[in-house]
Amino acid sequence: MSRILVVEDEPGIALALQTDLRLEGYEVEVVVDGITASRRAREEPFDLILLDIMLPGKDGFEVCREVRSAGVKAPILMLTAKAQEAEKVLGLELGADDYVTKPFSALELRARIKALLRRAEETVPEVHRFGDLEIDFGRVELRRGGTSIGITPLEFKILAALIKRRGRVVSRDRLLDLAWGENTYVSDRVIDNHVANLRKKLEDDPKQPRFVVSVRGVGYRFDG
């Protein structure tokens, strides 16, 4: 379930966005001013920020500037009632990923959000380092201290799927689709066994994992 931060001070629009996005299956948090938006975006790992420009406290441009300066990588989709070309360019220069002008259709907004989330999932470094380990996506290799660690193709797919969504909970059903492929059935026990084997190769103490963390009743989260 992707988490979206909606920043909108008009109550009717905020409620409509919250309702529609929750129906689409997203977890939604709504804030109504720029100061709170900037703080929440830096405190929590949201998957996307839906950011109005005209806000009390700080405008959307200032919020965008602050969260990007703080290293927040979540896609930012800016909303505005204004359609001036200069504002669009400014928003993009400050780090926004896309721009929608009010009034907009719910269908268009959903499509833009899905495209940004899909793009964000696919944007990962060639090599991701965590602890004394590194995963090389290009070479399909796991290494510790420069030495290759034996890992099965399925274990690599599981690890890659979790790393690409690091900081977010990946349900067992979603992990099944990502690692085994859609329309494949295996039991939760099989998934858990593969994760347990993977932990033996990653963790100093597999019983108290640091990187591949269990979220009871849901799935797994990668922290690293």
C-alpha atoms as a PDB file:
ATOM      1  CA  MET A   1       0.000   0.000   0.000  1.00  0.00           C
ATOM      2  CA  SER A   2       1.612   3.261  -1.137  1.00  0.00           C
ATOM      3  CA  ARG A   3       1.482   6.220   1.241  1.00  0.00           C
ATOM      4  CA  ILE A   4       0.469   9.603  -0.169  1.00  0.00           C
ATOM      5  CA  LEU A   5       0.762  12.946   1.597  1.00  0.00           C
ATOM      6  CA  VAL A   6      -1.981  15.279   0.346  1.00  0.00           C
ATOM      7  CA  VAL A   7      -1.264  18.949   0.983  1.00  0.00           C
ATOM      8  CA  GLU A   8      -4.431  20.958   0.270  1.00  0.00           C
ATOM      9  CA  ASP A   9      -6.062  23.738   2.289  1.00  0.00           C
ATOM     10  CA  GLU A  10      -9.461  23.778   0.546  1.00  0.00           C
ATOM     11  CA  PRO A  11     -11.607  21.378   2.650  1.00  0.00           C
ATOM     12  CA  GLY A  12     -13.839  20.205  -0.199  1.00  0.00           C
ATOM     13  CA  ILE A  13     -10.929  19.378  -2.497  1.00  0.00           C
ATOM     14  CA  ALA A  14      -8.921  17.776   0.322  1.00  0.00           C
ATOM     15  CA  LEU A  15     -11.829  15.510   1.282  1.00  0.00           C
ATOM     16  CA  ALA A  16     -12.492  14.530  -2.336  1.00  0.00           C
ATOM     17  CA  LEU A  17      -8.822  13.682  -2.878  1.00  0.00           C
ATOM     18  CA  GLN A  18      -8.632  11.711   0.348  1.00  0.00           C
ATOM     19  CA  THR A  19     -11.781   9.724  -0.443  1.00  0.00           C
ATOM     20  CA  ASP A  20     -10.849   8.975  -4.044  1.00  0.00           C
ATOM     21  CA  LEU A  21      -7.272   7.946  -3.287  1.00  0.00           C
ATOM     22  CA  ARG A  22      -8.315   5.687  -0.418  1.00  0.00           C
ATOM     23  CA  LEU A  23     -10.791   3.985  -2.721  1.00  0.00           C
ATOM     24  CA  GLU A  24      -7.878   3.408  -5.088  1.00  0.00           C
ATOM     25  CA  GLY A  25      -6.088   1.563  -2.294  1.00  0.00           C
ATOM     26  CA  TYR A  26      -3.646   4.208  -1.113  1.00  0.00           C
ATOM     27  CA  GLU A  27      -2.901   5.161   2.476  1.00  0.00           C
ATOM     28  CA  VAL A  28      -3.569   8.905   2.663  1.00  0.00           C
ATOM     29  CA  GLU A  29      -2.582  11.613   5.122  1.00  0.00           C
ATOM     30  CA  VAL A  30      -3.964  15.131   4.626  1.00  0.00           C
ATOM     31  CA  VAL A  31      -2.341  18.330   5.892  1.00  0.00           C
ATOM     32  CA  VAL A  32      -3.673  21.823   5.266  1.00  0.00           C
ATOM     33  CA  ASP A  33      -0.698  24.182   5.538  1.00  0.00           C
ATOM     34  CA  GLY A  34       2.823  24.451   4.198  1.00  0.00           C
ATOM     35  CA  ILE A  35       4.618  24.411   7.553  1.00  0.00           C
ATOM     36  CA  THR A  36       3.062  21.103   8.584  1.00  0.00           C
ATOM     37  CA  ALA A  37       3.564  19.694   5.086  1.00  0.00           C
ATOM     38  CA  SER A  38       7.286  20.420   5.134  1.00  0.00           C
ATOM     39  CA  ARG A  39       7.674  18.832   8.554  1.00  0.00           C
ATOM     40  CA  ARG A  40       5.625  15.698   7.795  1.00  0.00           C
ATOM     41  CA  ALA A  41       7.348  15.118   4.453  1.00  0.00           C
ATOM     42  CA  ARG A  42      10.709  15.101   6.240  1.00  0.00           C
ATOM     43  CA  GLU A  43       9.516  12.986   9.176  1.00  0.00           C
ATOM     44  CA  GLU A  44       7.831  10.120   7.337  1.00  0.00           C
ATOM     45  CA  PRO A  45       8.689   7.993   4.270  1.00  0.00           C
ATOM     46  CA  PHE A  46       5.797   8.899   1.953  1.00  0.00           C
ATOM     47  CA  ASP A  47       5.743   7.350  -1.509  1.00  0.00           C
ATOM     48  CA  LEU A  48       4.277  10.462  -3.166  1.00  0.00           C
ATOM     49  CA  ILE A  49       3.453  14.043  -2.191  1.00  0.00           C
ATOM     50  CA  LEU A  50       0.423  15.726  -3.756  1.00  0.00           C
ATOM     51  CA  LEU A  51       1.230  19.383  -3.182  1.00  0.00           C
ATOM     52  CA  ASP A  52      -0.962  22.429  -3.722  1.00  0.00           C
ATOM     53  CA  ILE A  53       0.883  25.671  -4.436  1.00  0.00           C
ATOM     54  CA  MET A  54      -1.392  28.191  -2.716  1.00  0.00           C
ATOM     55  CA  LEU A  55      -1.093  27.304   0.981  1.00  0.00           C
ATOM     56  CA  PRO A  56      -1.114  29.138   4.316  1.00  0.00           C
ATOM     57  CA  GLY A  57       2.170  29.315   6.232  1.00  0.00           C
ATOM     58  CA  LYS A  58       4.434  28.426   3.300  1.00  0.00           C
ATOM     59  CA  ASP A  59       3.516  28.055  -0.335  1.00  0.00           C
ATOM     60  CA  GLY A  60       4.068  24.882  -2.295  1.00  0.00           C
ATOM     61  CA  PHE A  61       7.247  26.180  -3.899  1.00  0.00           C
ATOM     62  CA  GLU A  62       8.850  26.722  -0.494  1.00  0.00           C
ATOM     63  CA  VAL A  63       7.717  23.304   0.707  1.00  0.00           C
ATOM     64  CA  CYS A  64       9.130  21.672  -2.413  1.00  0.00           C
ATOM     65  CA  ARG A  65      12.446  23.472  -1.969  1.00  0.00           C
ATOM     66  CA  GLU A  66      12.734  22.450   1.693  1.00  0.00           C
ATOM     67  CA  VAL A  67      11.903  18.782   1.276  1.00  0.00           C
ATOM     68  CA  ARG A  68      14.267  18.376  -1.663  1.00  0.00           C
ATOM     69  CA  SER A  69      17.034  20.154   0.276  1.00  0.00           C
ATOM     70  CA  ALA A  70      16.427  17.671   3.104  1.00  0.00           C
ATOM     71  CA  GLY A  71      17.025  14.779   0.703  1.00  0.00           C
ATOM     72  CA  VAL A  72      13.420  13.612   0.337  1.00  0.00           C
ATOM     73  CA  LYS A  73      13.192  11.571  -2.885  1.00  0.00           C
ATOM     74  CA  ALA A  74       9.432  10.929  -3.004  1.00  0.00           C
ATOM     75  CA  PRO A  75       7.797  12.092  -6.256  1.00  0.00           C
ATOM     76  CA  ILE A  76       6.068  15.459  -5.935  1.00  0.00           C
ATOM     77  CA  LEU A  77       2.939  16.183  -7.992  1.00  0.00           C
ATOM     78  CA  MET A  78       2.029  19.867  -7.763  1.00  0.00           C
ATOM     79  CA  LEU A  79      -1.543  21.178  -7.922  1.00  0.00           C
ATOM     80  CA  THR A  80      -2.479  24.748  -8.747  1.00  0.00           C
ATOM     81  CA  ALA A  81      -5.351  26.852  -9.975  1.00  0.00           C
ATOM     82  CA  LYS A  82      -2.908  28.868 -12.037  1.00  0.00           C
ATOM     83  CA  ALA A  83      -1.716  27.846 -15.462  1.00  0.00           C
ATOM     84  CA  GLN A  84       1.147  30.253 -16.107  1.00  0.00           C
ATOM     85  CA  GLU A  85       4.087  28.629 -17.835  1.00  0.00           C
ATOM     86  CA  ALA A  86       6.556  30.340 -15.482  1.00  0.00           C
ATOM     87  CA  GLU A  87       4.989  28.666 -12.435  1.00  0.00           C
ATOM     88  CA  LYS A  88       5.183  25.250 -14.037  1.00  0.00           C
ATOM     89  CA  VAL A  89       8.853  25.776 -14.865  1.00  0.00           C
ATOM     90  CA  LEU A  90       9.627  27.040 -11.349  1.00  0.00           C
ATOM     91  CA  GLY A  91       7.967  24.041  -9.728  1.00  0.00           C
ATOM     92  CA  LEU A  92       9.907  21.614 -11.911  1.00  0.00           C
ATOM     93  CA  GLU A  93      13.181  23.452 -11.299  1.00  0.00           C
ATOM     94  CA  LEU A  94      12.628  23.187  -7.549  1.00  0.00           C
ATOM     95  CA  GLY A  95      12.281  19.425  -7.800  1.00  0.00           C
ATOM     96  CA  ALA A  96       8.632  18.696  -8.586  1.00  0.00           C
ATOM     97  CA  ASP A  97       8.101  15.709 -10.868  1.00  0.00           C
ATOM     98  CA  ASP A  98       4.799  16.627 -12.475  1.00  0.00           C
ATOM     99  CA  TYR A  99       2.174  19.349 -12.544  1.00  0.00           C
ATOM    100  CA  VAL A 100      -1.640  19.319 -12.727  1.00  0.00           C
ATOM    101  CA  THR A 101      -3.758  22.429 -13.160  1.00  0.00           C
ATOM    102  CA  LYS A 102      -7.125  22.796 -11.397  1.00  0.00           C
ATOM    103  CA  PRO A 103      -9.762  21.859 -12.293  1.00  0.00           C
ATOM    104  CA  PHE A 104      -8.505  18.375 -13.092  1.00  0.00           C
ATOM    105  CA  SER A 105     -10.313  15.091 -13.636  1.00  0.00           C
ATOM    106  CA  ALA A 106      -9.977  12.313 -11.072  1.00  0.00           C
ATOM    107  CA  LEU A 107      -9.102   9.940 -13.912  1.00  0.00           C
ATOM    108  CA  GLU A 108      -6.177  12.076 -15.054  1.00  0.00           C
ATOM    109  CA  LEU A 109      -4.891  12.529 -11.516  1.00  0.00           C
ATOM    110  CA  ARG A 110      -4.990   8.783 -10.837  1.00  0.00           C
ATOM    111  CA  ALA A 111      -3.057   8.115 -14.046  1.00  0.00           C
ATOM    112  CA  ARG A 112      -0.394  10.708 -13.164  1.00  0.00           C
ATOM    113  CA  ILE A 113      -0.002   9.263  -9.659  1.00  0.00           C
ATOM    114  CA  LYS A 114       0.332   5.697 -10.933  1.00  0.00           C
ATOM    115  CA  ALA A 115       2.929   6.774 -13.490  1.00  0.00           C
ATOM    116  CA  LEU A 116       5.011   8.598 -10.872  1.00  0.00           C
ATOM    117  CA  LEU A 117       4.854   5.707  -8.412  1.00  0.00           C
ATOM    118  CA  ARG A 118       5.811   3.236 -11.122  1.00  0.00           C
ATOM    119  CA  ARG A 119       8.735   5.428 -12.205  1.00  0.00           C
ATOM    120  CA  ALA A 120       9.909   5.810  -8.598  1.00  0.00           C
ATOM    121  CA  GLU A 121       9.910   2.027  -8.091  1.00  0.00           C
ATOM    122  CA  GLU A 122      12.070   1.574 -11.158  1.00  0.00           C
ATOM    123  CA  THR A 123      14.571   4.274 -10.192  1.00  0.00           C
ATOM    124  CA  VAL A 124      17.249   2.577  -8.132  1.00  0.00           C
ATOM    125  CA  PRO A 125      21.054   2.879  -8.195  1.00  0.00           C
ATOM    126  CA  GLU A 126      23.037   0.270 -10.094  1.00  0.00           C
ATOM    127  CA  VAL A 127      24.628  -0.756  -6.794  1.00  0.00           C
ATOM    128  CA  HIS A 128      22.910  -0.401  -3.418  1.00  0.00           C
ATOM    129  CA  ARG A 129      25.072  -0.596  -0.286  1.00  0.00           C
ATOM    130  CA  PHE A 130      23.818  -1.470   3.185  1.00  0.00           C
ATOM    131  CA  GLY A 131      25.977  -2.377   6.150  1.00  0.00           C
ATOM    132  CA  ASP A 132      29.019  -4.218   4.790  1.00  0.00           C
ATOM    133  CA  LEU A 133      26.952  -5.605   1.915  1.00  0.00           C
ATOM    134  CA  GLU A 134      26.124  -4.416  -1.577  1.00  0.00           C
ATOM    135  CA  ILE A 135      23.694  -5.617  -4.194  1.00  0.00           C
ATOM    136  CA  ASP A 136      24.690  -5.099  -7.808  1.00  0.00           C
ATOM    137  CA  PHE A 137      21.544  -4.996  -9.953  1.00  0.00           C
ATOM    138  CA  GLY A 138      23.479  -4.936 -13.213  1.00  0.00           C
ATOM    139  CA  ARG A 139      25.593  -8.001 -12.406  1.00  0.00           C
ATOM    140  CA  VAL A 140      22.805  -9.709 -10.417  1.00  0.00           C
ATOM    141  CA  GLU A 141      25.216 -10.216  -7.552  1.00  0.00           C
ATOM    142  CA  LEU A 142      25.326  -9.865  -3.765  1.00  0.00           C
ATOM    143  CA  ARG A 143      28.720  -9.031  -2.241  1.00  0.00           C
ATOM    144  CA  ARG A 144      30.223  -8.635   1.218  1.00  0.00           C
ATOM    145  CA  GLY A 145      33.508  -6.778   1.359  1.00  0.00           C
ATOM    146  CA  GLY A 146      33.875  -7.157  -2.391  1.00  0.00           C
ATOM    147  CA  THR A 147      33.452 -10.939  -2.262  1.00  0.00           C
ATOM    148  CA  SER A 148      30.471 -12.508  -3.994  1.00  0.00           C
ATOM    149  CA  ILE A 149      27.943 -14.304  -1.780  1.00  0.00           C
ATOM    150  CA  GLY A 150      26.060 -17.280  -3.166  1.00  0.00           C
ATOM    151  CA  ILE A 151      22.421 -16.315  -3.675  1.00  0.00           C
ATOM    152  CA  THR A 152      19.735 -18.062  -5.689  1.00  0.00           C
ATOM    153  CA  PRO A 153      17.898 -16.233  -8.494  1.00  0.00           C
ATOM    154  CA  LEU A 154      14.695 -16.277  -6.433  1.00  0.00           C
ATOM    155  CA  GLU A 155      16.435 -14.901  -3.342  1.00  0.00           C
ATOM    156  CA  PHE A 156      17.907 -12.130  -5.489  1.00  0.00           C
ATOM    157  CA  LYS A 157      14.441 -11.246  -6.834  1.00  0.00           C
ATOM    158  CA  ILE A 158      13.032 -11.106  -3.300  1.00  0.00           C
ATOM    159  CA  LEU A 159      15.865  -8.898  -2.077  1.00  0.00           C
ATOM    160  CA  ALA A 160      15.684  -6.631  -5.137  1.00  0.00           C
ATOM    161  CA  ALA A 161      11.918  -6.217  -4.738  1.00  0.00           C
ATOM    162  CA  LEU A 162      12.314  -5.212  -1.088  1.00  0.00           C
ATOM    163  CA  ILE A 163      15.234  -2.844  -1.712  1.00  0.00           C
ATOM    164  CA  LYS A 164      13.393  -1.050  -4.515  1.00  0.00           C
ATOM    165  CA  ARG A 165      10.611  -0.361  -2.005  1.00  0.00           C
ATOM    166  CA  ARG A 166      12.851   0.190   1.013  1.00  0.00           C
ATOM    167  CA  GLY A 167      11.165   1.769   3.988  1.00  0.00           C
ATOM    168  CA  ARG A 168       7.761   0.491   2.843  1.00  0.00           C
ATOM    169  CA  VAL A 169       5.920  -2.648   3.821  1.00  0.00           C
ATOM    170  CA  VAL A 170       5.635  -5.178   0.993  1.00  0.00           C
ATOM    171  CA  SER A 171       2.805  -7.640   1.521  1.00  0.00           C
ATOM    172  CA  ARG A 172       3.374 -11.342   0.925  1.00  0.00           C
ATOM    173  CA  ASP A 173       0.929 -11.217  -2.005  1.00  0.00           C
ATOM    174  CA  ARG A 174       2.849  -8.355  -3.606  1.00  0.00           C
ATOM    175  CA  LEU A 175       6.179 -10.058  -2.969  1.00  0.00           C
ATOM    176  CA  LEU A 176       4.788 -13.186  -4.605  1.00  0.00           C
ATOM    177  CA  ASP A 177       3.890 -11.216  -7.749  1.00  0.00           C
ATOM    178  CA  LEU A 178       7.257  -9.449  -7.850  1.00  0.00           C
ATOM    179  CA  ALA A 179       9.518 -12.440  -7.201  1.00  0.00           C
ATOM    180  CA  TRP A 180       7.588 -15.470  -8.470  1.00  0.00           C
ATOM    181  CA  GLY A 181       5.472 -13.714 -11.084  1.00  0.00           C
ATOM    182  CA  GLU A 182       1.772 -12.985 -11.324  1.00  0.00           C
ATOM    183  CA  ASN A 183      -0.750 -15.850 -11.405  1.00  0.00           C
ATOM    184  CA  THR A 184       1.640 -18.013  -9.375  1.00  0.00           C
ATOM    185  CA  TYR A 185       0.537 -19.657  -6.161  1.00  0.00           C
ATOM    186  CA  VAL A 186       2.792 -20.616  -3.266  1.00  0.00           C
ATOM    187  CA  SER A 187       1.941 -20.660   0.417  1.00  0.00           C
ATOM    188  CA  ASP A 188       2.989 -18.011   2.915  1.00  0.00           C
ATOM    189  CA  ARG A 189       5.219 -20.644   4.513  1.00  0.00           C
ATOM    190  CA  VAL A 190       7.220 -21.014   1.291  1.00  0.00           C
ATOM    191  CA  ILE A 191       7.705 -17.243   1.076  1.00  0.00           C
ATOM    192  CA  ASP A 192       8.738 -17.068   4.731  1.00  0.00           C
ATOM    193  CA  ASN A 193      11.235 -19.917   4.266  1.00  0.00           C
ATOM    194  CA  HIS A 194      12.920 -18.141   1.365  1.00  0.00           C
ATOM    195  CA  VAL A 195      13.115 -14.936   3.402  1.00  0.00           C
ATOM    196  CA  ALA A 196      14.591 -16.896   6.327  1.00  0.00           C
ATOM    197  CA  ASN A 197      17.297 -18.323   4.030  1.00  0.00           C
ATOM    198  CA  LEU A 198      18.009 -14.858   2.680  1.00  0.00           C
ATOM    199  CA  ARG A 199      18.398 -13.475   6.200  1.00  0.00           C
ATOM    200  CA  LYS A 200      21.090 -16.073   6.954  1.00  0.00           C
ATOM    201  CA  LYS A 201      23.167 -14.485   4.196  1.00  0.00           C
ATOM    202  CA  LEU A 202      22.444 -10.861   5.130  1.00  0.00           C
ATOM    203  CA  GLU A 203      22.035 -10.580   8.864  1.00  0.00           C
ATOM    204  CA  ASP A 204      24.551 -10.803  11.715  1.00  0.00           C
ATOM    205  CA  ASP A 205      21.720 -12.300  13.771  1.00  0.00           C
ATOM    206  CA  PRO A 206      18.965 -13.762  11.542  1.00  0.00           C
ATOM    207  CA  LYS A 207      16.654 -14.086  14.562  1.00  0.00           C
ATOM    208  CA  GLN A 208      16.873 -10.316  15.151  1.00  0.00           C
ATOM    209  CA  PRO A 209      17.079  -9.007  11.583  1.00  0.00           C
ATOM    210  CA  ARG A 210      18.341  -5.515  10.924  1.00  0.00           C
ATOM    211  CA  PHE A 211      17.625  -5.286   7.204  1.00  0.00           C
ATOM    212  CA  VAL A 212      14.712  -7.585   6.253  1.00  0.00           C
ATOM    213  CA  VAL A 213      12.167  -6.821   8.965  1.00  0.00           C
ATOM    214  CA  SER A 214       8.910  -8.715   9.503  1.00  0.00           C
ATOM    215  CA  VAL A 215       5.677  -6.747   9.811  1.00  0.00           C
ATOM    216  CA  ARG A 216       3.319  -9.054  11.640  1.00  0.00           C
ATOM    217  CA  GLY A 217       0.298 -10.141   9.634  1.00  0.00           C
ATOM    218  CA  VAL A 218       1.315  -8.155   6.544  1.00  0.00           C
ATOM    219  CA  GLY A 219       4.722  -8.908   5.043  1.00  0.00           C
ATOM    220  CA  TYR A 220       8.231  -7.505   5.069  1.00  0.00           C
ATOM    221  CA  ARG A 221      10.075  -4.197   5.006  1.00  0.00           C
ATOM    222  CA  PHE A 222      13.673  -3.493   4.003  1.00  0.00           C
ATOM    223  CA  ASP A 223      15.556  -1.065   6.240  1.00  0.00           C
ATOM    224  CA  GLY A 224      18.937  -0.284   4.845  1.00  0.00           C
END
